[in-house]
Amino acid sequence: MKILSTSLTAVGLIAAGLLSTGCVYRINIQQGNFLKQADVDAVQTGMTRSQVRYLLGTPMAADPFNKERWDYIYYLKKGRSRHVDSRRVTVYFDGDKVERLEKPSDALAAEQDASAAKIKNGRTY
């Protein structure tokens, strides 16, 4: 009788543990500057800092050691999914003018834009 009681208790605790982990809601974690690819493509060599700030917004990370570089970083982790979308756009300046721009490929940017549209429409998986 004692063995049956112990085994039923163990099964009950395992079942409760499994059920409790499946009921937790995980929110989407979104951080940084989400940039539309059209806005990134509009940045051209020779633009001023104020023009870039108007197009892309304030940079997520301005390097305190190198004032000639602005980093726009985006991170999105969707709920229970282990998949993480991240994008980095870096603008390099020479004085007050854009010298060059590092950005993700067009294919990667299109994939991330589609993923963000799903989040906006309420479908996260």
N, C-alpha and C. Protein backbone atom coordinates (compact mmCIF):
# COMPACT_ATOMS: atom_id res chain seq x y z
N MET A 1 0.81 -1.19 0.00
CA MET A 1 0.00 0.00 0.00
C MET A 1 0.86 1.26 0.00
N LYS A 2 1.95 1.21 0.78
CA LYS A 2 2.83 2.37 0.86
C LYS A 2 3.54 2.61 -0.48
N ILE A 3 3.91 1.55 -1.20
CA ILE A 3 4.56 1.68 -2.49
C ILE A 3 3.60 2.31 -3.50
N LEU A 4 2.34 1.91 -3.48
CA LEU A 4 1.34 2.46 -4.38
C LEU A 4 1.14 3.95 -4.11
N SER A 5 1.07 4.31 -2.84
CA SER A 5 0.90 5.71 -2.46
C SER A 5 2.10 6.55 -2.90
N THR A 6 3.29 6.04 -2.72
CA THR A 6 4.51 6.75 -3.11
C THR A 6 4.60 6.91 -4.62
N SER A 7 4.27 5.85 -5.35
CA SER A 7 4.34 5.93 -6.81
C SER A 7 3.27 6.88 -7.36
N LEU A 8 2.07 6.88 -6.78
CA LEU A 8 1.03 7.81 -7.21
C LEU A 8 1.43 9.26 -6.93
N THR A 9 2.06 9.49 -5.82
CA THR A 9 2.55 10.83 -5.48
C THR A 9 3.61 11.28 -6.48
N ALA A 10 4.53 10.38 -6.81
CA ALA A 10 5.60 10.70 -7.76
C ALA A 10 5.01 11.01 -9.14
N VAL A 11 4.06 10.19 -9.58
CA VAL A 11 3.42 10.42 -10.88
C VAL A 11 2.66 11.74 -10.87
N GLY A 12 2.01 12.03 -9.78
CA GLY A 12 1.27 13.30 -9.66
C GLY A 12 2.20 14.50 -9.71
N LEU A 13 3.32 14.42 -9.03
CA LEU A 13 4.28 15.53 -9.04
C LEU A 13 4.90 15.72 -10.43
N ILE A 14 5.21 14.63 -11.11
CA ILE A 14 5.76 14.73 -12.47
C ILE A 14 4.73 15.33 -13.41
N ALA A 15 3.48 14.89 -13.32
CA ALA A 15 2.43 15.42 -14.18
C ALA A 15 2.20 16.91 -13.91
N ALA A 16 2.20 17.30 -12.65
CA ALA A 16 2.01 18.71 -12.31
C ALA A 16 3.17 19.55 -12.85
N GLY A 17 4.37 19.04 -12.75
CA GLY A 17 5.54 19.75 -13.27
C GLY A 17 5.46 19.92 -14.77
N LEU A 18 5.08 18.87 -15.49
CA LEU A 18 4.98 18.95 -16.94
C LEU A 18 3.86 19.90 -17.38
N LEU A 19 2.75 19.86 -16.71
CA LEU A 19 1.63 20.73 -17.06
C LEU A 19 1.93 22.20 -16.76
N SER A 20 2.64 22.46 -15.69
CA SER A 20 2.91 23.84 -15.32
C SER A 20 3.90 24.51 -16.29
N THR A 21 4.84 23.76 -16.87
CA THR A 21 5.78 24.37 -17.80
C THR A 21 5.15 24.64 -19.15
N GLY A 22 4.12 23.94 -19.51
CA GLY A 22 3.48 24.14 -20.80
C GLY A 22 2.50 25.30 -20.83
N CYS A 23 2.19 25.86 -19.69
CA CYS A 23 1.16 26.90 -19.62
C CYS A 23 1.75 28.30 -19.47
N VAL A 24 3.02 28.44 -19.58
CA VAL A 24 3.65 29.74 -19.39
C VAL A 24 3.66 30.49 -20.71
N TYR A 25 3.16 31.71 -20.70
CA TYR A 25 3.15 32.55 -21.89
C TYR A 25 4.50 33.25 -21.99
N ARG A 26 5.08 33.21 -23.15
CA ARG A 26 6.36 33.88 -23.38
C ARG A 26 6.14 35.04 -24.36
N ILE A 27 6.48 36.22 -23.92
CA ILE A 27 6.27 37.40 -24.76
C ILE A 27 7.38 37.51 -25.80
N ASN A 28 7.11 38.27 -26.84
CA ASN A 28 8.13 38.59 -27.83
C ASN A 28 9.04 39.66 -27.24
N ILE A 29 10.33 39.47 -27.39
CA ILE A 29 11.30 40.45 -26.89
C ILE A 29 11.87 41.18 -28.09
N GLN A 30 11.56 42.45 -28.17
CA GLN A 30 12.01 43.28 -29.30
C GLN A 30 12.82 44.43 -28.75
N GLN A 31 14.05 44.59 -29.25
CA GLN A 31 14.91 45.66 -28.77
C GLN A 31 15.60 46.34 -29.95
N GLY A 32 15.85 47.60 -29.81
CA GLY A 32 16.64 48.31 -30.81
C GLY A 32 15.81 49.04 -31.84
N ASN A 33 16.48 49.41 -32.92
CA ASN A 33 15.88 50.17 -34.01
C ASN A 33 15.49 49.22 -35.13
N PHE A 34 14.19 49.05 -35.40
CA PHE A 34 13.79 48.30 -36.59
C PHE A 34 13.80 49.27 -37.75
N LEU A 35 14.59 48.95 -38.76
CA LEU A 35 14.73 49.83 -39.91
C LEU A 35 14.15 49.16 -41.14
N LYS A 36 13.32 49.88 -41.85
CA LYS A 36 12.80 49.37 -43.12
C LYS A 36 13.94 49.42 -44.13
N GLN A 37 13.98 48.41 -44.99
CA GLN A 37 15.06 48.34 -45.96
C GLN A 37 15.04 49.55 -46.90
N ALA A 38 13.86 50.06 -47.20
CA ALA A 38 13.75 51.25 -48.06
C ALA A 38 14.45 52.45 -47.43
N ASP A 39 14.32 52.59 -46.10
CA ASP A 39 14.98 53.70 -45.41
C ASP A 39 16.50 53.53 -45.42
N VAL A 40 16.95 52.29 -45.22
CA VAL A 40 18.39 52.02 -45.24
C VAL A 40 18.95 52.28 -46.64
N ASP A 41 18.21 51.85 -47.66
CA ASP A 41 18.67 52.06 -49.03
C ASP A 41 18.70 53.55 -49.41
N ALA A 42 17.93 54.37 -48.71
CA ALA A 42 17.90 55.80 -49.02
C ALA A 42 19.14 56.53 -48.52
N VAL A 43 19.89 55.92 -47.59
CA VAL A 43 21.11 56.54 -47.10
C VAL A 43 22.18 56.43 -48.18
N GLN A 44 22.77 57.55 -48.51
CA GLN A 44 23.78 57.58 -49.58
C GLN A 44 25.05 58.26 -49.09
N THR A 45 26.13 57.92 -49.73
CA THR A 45 27.41 58.54 -49.42
C THR A 45 27.29 60.05 -49.63
N GLY A 46 27.81 60.80 -48.67
CA GLY A 46 27.78 62.26 -48.78
C GLY A 46 26.66 62.92 -47.98
N MET A 47 25.72 62.14 -47.46
CA MET A 47 24.64 62.72 -46.64
C MET A 47 25.21 63.20 -45.31
N THR A 48 24.55 64.18 -44.71
CA THR A 48 24.99 64.70 -43.41
C THR A 48 24.43 63.83 -42.28
N ARG A 49 24.98 64.04 -41.09
CA ARG A 49 24.50 63.30 -39.91
C ARG A 49 23.02 63.58 -39.64
N SER A 50 22.61 64.81 -39.80
CA SER A 50 21.20 65.15 -39.53
C SER A 50 20.28 64.48 -40.55
N GLN A 51 20.71 64.36 -41.80
CA GLN A 51 19.89 63.67 -42.79
C GLN A 51 19.76 62.18 -42.46
N VAL A 52 20.86 61.57 -42.00
CA VAL A 52 20.82 60.16 -41.61
C VAL A 52 19.93 59.98 -40.40
N ARG A 53 20.04 60.88 -39.43
CA ARG A 53 19.20 60.79 -38.23
C ARG A 53 17.73 60.96 -38.59
N TYR A 54 17.42 61.79 -39.56
CA TYR A 54 16.05 61.97 -40.01
C TYR A 54 15.51 60.68 -40.65
N LEU A 55 16.34 60.02 -41.46
CA LEU A 55 15.91 58.79 -42.14
C LEU A 55 15.84 57.59 -41.20
N LEU A 56 16.87 57.40 -40.38
CA LEU A 56 16.99 56.17 -39.59
C LEU A 56 16.70 56.35 -38.11
N GLY A 57 16.65 57.57 -37.63
CA GLY A 57 16.43 57.80 -36.21
C GLY A 57 17.75 57.86 -35.46
N THR A 58 17.65 57.98 -34.16
CA THR A 58 18.84 58.03 -33.32
C THR A 58 19.47 56.65 -33.26
N PRO A 59 20.78 56.55 -33.38
CA PRO A 59 21.42 55.23 -33.37
C PRO A 59 21.28 54.55 -32.01
N MET A 60 21.19 53.23 -32.04
CA MET A 60 21.07 52.44 -30.81
C MET A 60 22.36 52.56 -29.99
N ALA A 61 23.49 52.53 -30.67
CA ALA A 61 24.77 52.60 -29.97
C ALA A 61 25.68 53.55 -30.71
N ALA A 62 26.02 54.64 -30.06
CA ALA A 62 27.02 55.55 -30.62
C ALA A 62 28.32 55.25 -29.90
N ASP A 63 29.33 54.87 -30.63
CA ASP A 63 30.61 54.46 -30.06
C ASP A 63 31.27 55.66 -29.38
N PRO A 64 31.50 55.61 -28.06
CA PRO A 64 32.09 56.74 -27.37
C PRO A 64 33.56 56.96 -27.74
N PHE A 65 34.20 55.94 -28.30
CA PHE A 65 35.61 56.04 -28.67
C PHE A 65 35.80 56.43 -30.14
N ASN A 66 34.74 56.28 -30.94
CA ASN A 66 34.83 56.59 -32.36
C ASN A 66 33.56 57.33 -32.76
N LYS A 67 33.62 58.64 -32.79
CA LYS A 67 32.46 59.47 -33.10
C LYS A 67 32.06 59.38 -34.57
N GLU A 68 32.88 58.72 -35.36
CA GLU A 68 32.63 58.62 -36.79
C GLU A 68 31.82 57.38 -37.16
N ARG A 69 31.25 56.71 -36.18
CA ARG A 69 30.53 55.45 -36.44
C ARG A 69 29.23 55.43 -35.64
N TRP A 70 28.13 55.10 -36.32
CA TRP A 70 26.83 54.90 -35.68
C TRP A 70 26.37 53.48 -35.96
N ASP A 71 25.90 52.80 -34.91
CA ASP A 71 25.39 51.44 -35.05
C ASP A 71 23.89 51.41 -34.77
N TYR A 72 23.15 50.84 -35.69
CA TYR A 72 21.72 50.62 -35.53
C TYR A 72 21.55 49.12 -35.38
N ILE A 73 21.13 48.69 -34.19
CA ILE A 73 21.04 47.27 -33.88
C ILE A 73 19.59 46.92 -33.60
N TYR A 74 19.15 45.78 -34.12
CA TYR A 74 17.78 45.31 -33.90
C TYR A 74 17.83 43.85 -33.47
N TYR A 75 17.00 43.48 -32.49
CA TYR A 75 16.96 42.13 -31.95
C TYR A 75 15.51 41.77 -31.69
N LEU A 76 15.09 40.58 -32.13
CA LEU A 76 13.73 40.10 -31.88
C LEU A 76 13.76 38.62 -31.59
N LYS A 77 13.29 38.24 -30.40
CA LYS A 77 13.12 36.83 -30.04
C LYS A 77 11.64 36.59 -29.88
N LYS A 78 11.12 35.66 -30.67
CA LYS A 78 9.68 35.40 -30.69
C LYS A 78 9.30 34.35 -29.66
N GLY A 79 8.50 34.75 -28.70
CA GLY A 79 7.90 33.88 -27.70
C GLY A 79 8.67 32.62 -27.36
N ARG A 80 8.06 31.48 -27.65
CA ARG A 80 8.66 30.19 -27.33
C ARG A 80 9.72 29.75 -28.34
N SER A 81 9.74 30.38 -29.47
CA SER A 81 10.69 30.01 -30.51
C SER A 81 12.11 30.31 -30.07
N ARG A 82 13.03 29.49 -30.48
CA ARG A 82 14.43 29.75 -30.20
C ARG A 82 15.07 30.61 -31.29
N HIS A 83 14.30 30.89 -32.33
CA HIS A 83 14.82 31.67 -33.45
C HIS A 83 14.90 33.15 -33.06
N VAL A 84 16.01 33.75 -33.38
CA VAL A 84 16.24 35.17 -33.09
C VAL A 84 16.51 35.89 -34.40
N ASP A 85 15.79 36.98 -34.64
CA ASP A 85 16.07 37.86 -35.77
C ASP A 85 16.94 38.99 -35.25
N SER A 86 18.04 39.24 -35.89
CA SER A 86 18.86 40.39 -35.52
C SER A 86 19.41 41.02 -36.78
N ARG A 87 19.56 42.30 -36.72
CA ARG A 87 20.04 43.05 -37.87
C ARG A 87 20.94 44.16 -37.35
N ARG A 88 22.00 44.41 -38.08
CA ARG A 88 22.91 45.48 -37.71
C ARG A 88 23.20 46.32 -38.95
N VAL A 89 23.02 47.61 -38.81
CA VAL A 89 23.37 48.57 -39.86
C VAL A 89 24.37 49.53 -39.22
N THR A 90 25.51 49.70 -39.87
CA THR A 90 26.55 50.58 -39.36
C THR A 90 26.83 51.67 -40.39
N VAL A 91 26.80 52.91 -39.92
CA VAL A 91 27.07 54.06 -40.78
C VAL A 91 28.41 54.65 -40.34
N TYR A 92 29.31 54.81 -41.29
CA TYR A 92 30.62 55.41 -41.03
C TYR A 92 30.65 56.81 -41.63
N PHE A 93 31.14 57.75 -40.85
CA PHE A 93 31.21 59.14 -41.28
C PHE A 93 32.66 59.58 -41.46
N ASP A 94 32.85 60.54 -42.32
CA ASP A 94 34.11 61.25 -42.45
C ASP A 94 33.79 62.71 -42.22
N GLY A 95 34.06 63.17 -41.01
CA GLY A 95 33.63 64.52 -40.62
C GLY A 95 32.13 64.49 -40.36
N ASP A 96 31.38 65.22 -41.18
CA ASP A 96 29.92 65.26 -41.01
C ASP A 96 29.20 64.53 -42.15
N LYS A 97 29.93 63.89 -43.03
CA LYS A 97 29.33 63.25 -44.21
C LYS A 97 29.49 61.73 -44.14
N VAL A 98 28.50 61.02 -44.70
CA VAL A 98 28.55 59.56 -44.74
C VAL A 98 29.68 59.12 -45.67
N GLU A 99 30.54 58.28 -45.15
CA GLU A 99 31.64 57.74 -45.95
C GLU A 99 31.25 56.39 -46.56
N ARG A 100 30.67 55.51 -45.71
CA ARG A 100 30.20 54.21 -46.20
C ARG A 100 29.15 53.66 -45.26
N LEU A 101 28.49 52.60 -45.71
CA LEU A 101 27.37 52.01 -44.98
C LEU A 101 27.50 50.49 -45.04
N GLU A 102 27.45 49.84 -43.87
CA GLU A 102 27.43 48.38 -43.82
C GLU A 102 26.01 47.97 -43.45
N LYS A 103 25.42 47.11 -44.28
CA LYS A 103 24.03 46.70 -44.07
C LYS A 103 23.87 45.23 -44.45
N PRO A 104 22.78 44.60 -44.00
CA PRO A 104 22.56 43.20 -44.38
C PRO A 104 22.20 43.09 -45.87
N SER A 105 22.34 41.88 -46.39
CA SER A 105 21.99 41.66 -47.79
C SER A 105 20.50 41.89 -48.01
N ASP A 106 20.12 42.14 -49.24
CA ASP A 106 18.72 42.40 -49.56
C ASP A 106 17.83 41.20 -49.23
N ALA A 107 18.35 39.98 -49.47
CA ALA A 107 17.57 38.77 -49.19
C ALA A 107 17.31 38.62 -47.69
N LEU A 108 18.33 38.84 -46.88
CA LEU A 108 18.17 38.74 -45.43
C LEU A 108 17.22 39.83 -44.93
N ALA A 109 17.35 41.03 -45.45
CA ALA A 109 16.48 42.12 -45.03
C ALA A 109 15.02 41.83 -45.40
N ALA A 110 14.78 41.27 -46.58
CA ALA A 110 13.41 40.94 -47.00
C ALA A 110 12.82 39.87 -46.09
N GLU A 111 13.64 38.89 -45.72
CA GLU A 111 13.17 37.82 -44.82
C GLU A 111 12.80 38.41 -43.46
N GLN A 112 13.62 39.31 -42.95
CA GLN A 112 13.35 39.91 -41.65
C GLN A 112 12.14 40.85 -41.70
N ASP A 113 11.95 41.54 -42.80
CA ASP A 113 10.77 42.39 -42.95
C ASP A 113 9.50 41.55 -42.95
N ALA A 114 9.53 40.38 -43.62
CA ALA A 114 8.37 39.48 -43.64
C ALA A 114 8.09 38.95 -42.24
N SER A 115 9.14 38.61 -41.51
CA SER A 115 8.99 38.11 -40.15
C SER A 115 8.38 39.19 -39.24
N ALA A 116 8.82 40.42 -39.39
CA ALA A 116 8.29 41.52 -38.59
C ALA A 116 6.83 41.79 -38.93
N ALA A 117 6.46 41.60 -40.20
CA ALA A 117 5.07 41.80 -40.61
C ALA A 117 4.17 40.75 -39.95
N LYS A 118 4.66 39.53 -39.80
CA LYS A 118 3.89 38.48 -39.12
C LYS A 118 3.66 38.85 -37.66
N ILE A 119 4.69 39.39 -37.01
CA ILE A 119 4.56 39.81 -35.61
C ILE A 119 3.53 40.92 -35.51
N LYS A 120 3.59 41.87 -36.43
CA LYS A 120 2.67 43.01 -36.41
C LYS A 120 1.23 42.55 -36.62
N ASN A 121 1.03 41.51 -37.41
CA ASN A 121 -0.30 41.00 -37.67
C ASN A 121 -0.79 40.01 -36.60
N GLY A 122 0.04 39.78 -35.58
CA GLY A 122 -0.39 38.94 -34.48
C GLY A 122 -0.02 37.48 -34.61
N ARG A 123 0.61 37.08 -35.68
CA ARG A 123 1.04 35.68 -35.84
C ARG A 123 2.50 35.62 -35.48
N THR A 124 2.81 34.87 -34.44
CA THR A 124 4.20 34.86 -33.97
C THR A 124 4.93 33.58 -34.32
N TYR A 125 4.28 32.60 -34.87
CA TYR A 125 4.98 31.34 -35.15
C TYR A 125 4.94 31.02 -36.60
